[in-house]
Amino acid sequence: MVRELEVTVMIDKGGLLLTLLHFVILAPFLLAIIVPFLFKYLRSIHTGWFVLILPTLLFAYLIQFIPTVQGGTPIQETIPWIPSLNIYFNVYIDGLGLLFGLLITGIGALVVLYSIFYLSKEKEALNSFYVYLLMFMGAMLGVVLSDNLAVLYVFWELTSLSSFLLIAYWYQRERSRYGALKSMLITMFGGFMMLGGFVMLYVMTGTFSIREIIGQADQITDHALFLPAMLLILLGTFTKSAQFPFHIWLPDAMEAPTPVSAYLHSATMVKAGIYLVARLSPVFAGTSEWFWILSIFGIVTLFWGSFFAVKQTDLKALLAYSTISQLGLIMCLLGVGSAAVRFGYGDASTIYTTATLAAIFHLFNHSTFKGTLFMVVGIVDHETGTRDYRRLGGLITLMPISFTLAVIGAFSMAGLPPFNGFLSKELFFTGVLNITEAGIWNIETWGMLFPIVA
């Protein structure tokens, strides 16, 4: 009797937790409706203090799922949306989704706290800023926690719309309007192409559920629509994650306020394409096309971003091109890791685990150190009035705390021990060195380019 009672209590508790999963995604949108009223009637208090409560609570709520997910038990809940078209609002939390959810809410809370001191409540239209920021937060949570491709696409386009509004926040500036329009046109074009790939997957499998599509992966490999679907989906992910040659929108998006740059363009939105590649790797990773496209475009983006980063004199532009380079690194690792899924060269499991682990680990590391560096640059710009490093010097005596944070972030990005960037970049080198052991696609010859360029 005692055992039965304990099981019943656990089921009730689990049911309560599961009903809150959809609220995790919808809560930012609900708060966005309330923010204008808070701004209007509580002008004596910075609106950010009210907004800060939500991402903090969501982070605390999501972090409790770590033991469950670590045990191999995903958490899910479903609400019918358009059942006649097999479209259900499925929330699905596994290790990958939980990692992104914690990044979105955790860094989101830090960015909101930073914005409280960065944006003046007397000079700025904070009601608009926090509405757009909350819209983006909810849209990103919808992207990473949705199991249904149709629902994921809706949130995907909402990220493009909300990022457009955030980049154009200072709409009085021509460059802000130009950067916002450029980013929206490129990312929405990619999103529309990606929708075509989703529809093709539905035609092949009869479902929009990512888990069900993965279950049918072996049966659709030879389908005539398989390769077109892959190419269209990759087009969407490349535009969102600023892969070459679609990277051109990211530097212009730096006209946004620094909290936006730290949140969207280093930690979250540009990682949406990375997330989708990782999520759909079980479907496409067994093909040579997937390996070559991801690996080559990733390594080219890595080199191209680094090459242009060292030519910049604006600190924010330098970080923007550096972000492009780091995104290329992560994309390349996902491509390298995918090769072992089907072809199994060398110690396949070791190679796959090393490269994929490096991709996910560096994704997390990049969010932390690049977000830190963007915020430090914002502080320097705020206090000195310039981001041109040719006019800056001797700040260690004036801003010792900012200097310390900048050194930690820069050393991490440079991959110096004992900082976190060193660990993930060592795994990156290990992954690209292991790929040369393969005896497929003549990679023992051409594959040497990977460690050389890396």
Foldseek 3Di string as FASTA:
>chain_A
DVVVVVVVVVVVVLVVLQVCLVVLLCVLLVVLVVLVVCCVPVLVDQSLVVVLVNLVVSLVSLVVCVVVQVVVHKRKDWDQDPVVLQDIFIFIDHPLLSVQSNLLSVLLSVLSVLVSVLDDSVPAPVSQQSSLSSQLSSLLNSLSGGQFQVSNLVSQLSNLVSLLCQLCRVVVDPLSNVLSVLLSVQLVVLSVLLVVLLVLLCVQQVHRGLVSSLVCLVVCPPPPCLVSSVVSNLSNLCLQLLFPPNVVSQLSSLSGQLSSCLNCQFQTRSCSSVSVCVSCLSNPLQDPVLLVVQQVSLLVQLLVLCVVLVVDQFQSSNLSSLSSNLSSLLSNLSSLLSHCPHPNFDPSVVLNCLSNVLSVLSSVLRSVLSSLSSSLLSVCCSVPVGRRCVPDDPCCVVCVPSVVSNVLSVCLSVLHPPHSNVVSVVSSLVNLVVSCRDPPPVCVVVSVVSNVSD
